[in-house]
């Protein structure tokens, strides 16, 4: 699948978070089956939220109209 560059970077961050969680759980003695179950559930909870200071550059780039800005 062809993804946008920012999407790939976000996916890398998510994978890193889940990998750290798996390592921490393994170090606590949690079974592989339980780790897999937790990671599967947590994967659905991960998302990114953005807050913009201004809509100026979205307007300039044609992403939104002047009325929307």
C-alpha atoms as a PDB file:
ATOM      1  CA  UNK A   1       0.000   0.000   0.000  1.00  0.00           C
ATOM      2  CA  UNK A   2       1.288   3.458  -0.868  1.00  0.00           C
ATOM      3  CA  UNK A   3       1.111   5.691   2.202  1.00  0.00           C
ATOM      4  CA  UNK A   4       1.982   9.325   2.716  1.00  0.00           C
ATOM      5  CA  UNK A   5       5.361   9.963   4.433  1.00  0.00           C
ATOM      6  CA  UNK A   6       3.753  11.423   7.563  1.00  0.00           C
ATOM      7  CA  UNK A   7       1.582   8.322   7.866  1.00  0.00           C
ATOM      8  CA  UNK A   8       4.626   6.042   7.803  1.00  0.00           C
ATOM      9  CA  UNK A   9       6.336   8.090  10.516  1.00  0.00           C
ATOM     10  CA  UNK A  10       3.223   7.897  12.689  1.00  0.00           C
ATOM     11  CA  UNK A  11       3.097   4.129  12.198  1.00  0.00           C
ATOM     12  CA  UNK A  12       6.750   3.908  13.283  1.00  0.00           C
ATOM     13  CA  UNK A  13       5.954   5.797  16.489  1.00  0.00           C
ATOM     14  CA  UNK A  14       3.030   3.461  17.207  1.00  0.00           C
ATOM     15  CA  UNK A  15       5.140   0.361  16.600  1.00  0.00           C
ATOM     16  CA  UNK A  16       7.864   1.702  18.877  1.00  0.00           C
ATOM     17  CA  UNK A  17       5.330   2.347  21.656  1.00  0.00           C
ATOM     18  CA  UNK A  18       3.887  -1.159  21.320  1.00  0.00           C
ATOM     19  CA  UNK A  19       7.367  -2.721  21.220  1.00  0.00           C
ATOM     20  CA  UNK A  20       8.342  -0.925  24.444  1.00  0.00           C
ATOM     21  CA  UNK A  21       5.112  -2.080  26.061  1.00  0.00           C
ATOM     22  CA  UNK A  22       5.827  -5.680  25.006  1.00  0.00           C
ATOM     23  CA  UNK A  23       9.381  -5.541  26.399  1.00  0.00           C
ATOM     24  CA  UNK A  24       8.152  -4.095  29.707  1.00  0.00           C
ATOM     25  CA  UNK A  25       5.487  -6.786  30.006  1.00  0.00           C
ATOM     26  CA  UNK A  26       7.988  -9.545  29.158  1.00  0.00           C
ATOM     27  CA  UNK A  27      10.358  -8.209  31.826  1.00  0.00           C
ATOM     28  CA  UNK A  28       7.495  -8.450  34.325  1.00  0.00           C
ATOM     29  CA  UNK A  29       7.034 -12.114  33.428  1.00  0.00           C
ATOM     30  CA  UNK A  30       3.816 -11.807  31.435  1.00  0.00           C
ATOM     31  CA  UNK A  31       3.216 -14.685  29.018  1.00  0.00           C
ATOM     32  CA  UNK A  32       3.636 -14.229  25.267  1.00  0.00           C
ATOM     33  CA  UNK A  33      -0.047 -14.993  24.700  1.00  0.00           C
ATOM     34  CA  UNK A  34      -1.122 -12.288  27.146  1.00  0.00           C
ATOM     35  CA  UNK A  35       1.329  -9.786  25.631  1.00  0.00           C
ATOM     36  CA  UNK A  36      -0.100 -10.480  22.171  1.00  0.00           C
ATOM     37  CA  UNK A  37      -3.643 -10.014  23.458  1.00  0.00           C
ATOM     38  CA  UNK A  38      -2.788  -6.706  25.150  1.00  0.00           C
ATOM     39  CA  UNK A  39      -0.940  -5.385  22.098  1.00  0.00           C
ATOM     40  CA  UNK A  40      -3.876  -6.275  19.860  1.00  0.00           C
ATOM     41  CA  UNK A  41      -6.257  -4.352  22.130  1.00  0.00           C
ATOM     42  CA  UNK A  42      -3.928  -1.375  22.554  1.00  0.00           C
ATOM     43  CA  UNK A  43      -3.329  -1.090  18.811  1.00  0.00           C
ATOM     44  CA  UNK A  44      -6.965  -0.028  18.401  1.00  0.00           C
ATOM     45  CA  UNK A  45      -6.586   2.711  21.048  1.00  0.00           C
ATOM     46  CA  UNK A  46      -3.690   4.563  19.428  1.00  0.00           C
ATOM     47  CA  UNK A  47      -4.310   7.760  17.486  1.00  0.00           C
ATOM     48  CA  UNK A  48      -2.850  11.157  16.717  1.00  0.00           C
ATOM     49  CA  UNK A  49      -4.435  14.493  17.461  1.00  0.00           C
ATOM     50  CA  UNK A  50      -3.106  17.719  16.016  1.00  0.00           C
ATOM     51  CA  UNK A  51      -3.710  21.265  17.180  1.00  0.00           C
ATOM     52  CA  UNK A  52      -2.822  24.113  14.864  1.00  0.00           C
ATOM     53  CA  UNK A  53      -1.995  27.639  15.962  1.00  0.00           C
ATOM     54  CA  UNK A  54      -3.265  29.043  12.680  1.00  0.00           C
ATOM     55  CA  UNK A  55      -5.023  27.872   9.539  1.00  0.00           C
ATOM     56  CA  UNK A  56      -2.982  30.266   7.393  1.00  0.00           C
ATOM     57  CA  UNK A  57      -0.805  27.663   5.700  1.00  0.00           C
ATOM     58  CA  UNK A  58      -3.712  25.294   5.096  1.00  0.00           C
ATOM     59  CA  UNK A  59      -5.460  28.154   3.322  1.00  0.00           C
ATOM     60  CA  UNK A  60      -2.339  29.107   1.325  1.00  0.00           C
ATOM     61  CA  UNK A  61      -1.799  25.496   0.288  1.00  0.00           C
ATOM     62  CA  UNK A  62      -5.379  25.143  -0.906  1.00  0.00           C
ATOM     63  CA  UNK A  63      -6.319  22.563   1.735  1.00  0.00           C
ATOM     64  CA  UNK A  64      -9.168  24.794   2.974  1.00  0.00           C
ATOM     65  CA  UNK A  65     -11.013  27.754   1.513  1.00  0.00           C
ATOM     66  CA  UNK A  66     -10.929  31.300   2.816  1.00  0.00           C
ATOM     67  CA  UNK A  67     -14.420  30.831   4.222  1.00  0.00           C
ATOM     68  CA  UNK A  68     -13.320  27.762   6.177  1.00  0.00           C
ATOM     69  CA  UNK A  69     -10.259  29.551   7.527  1.00  0.00           C
END
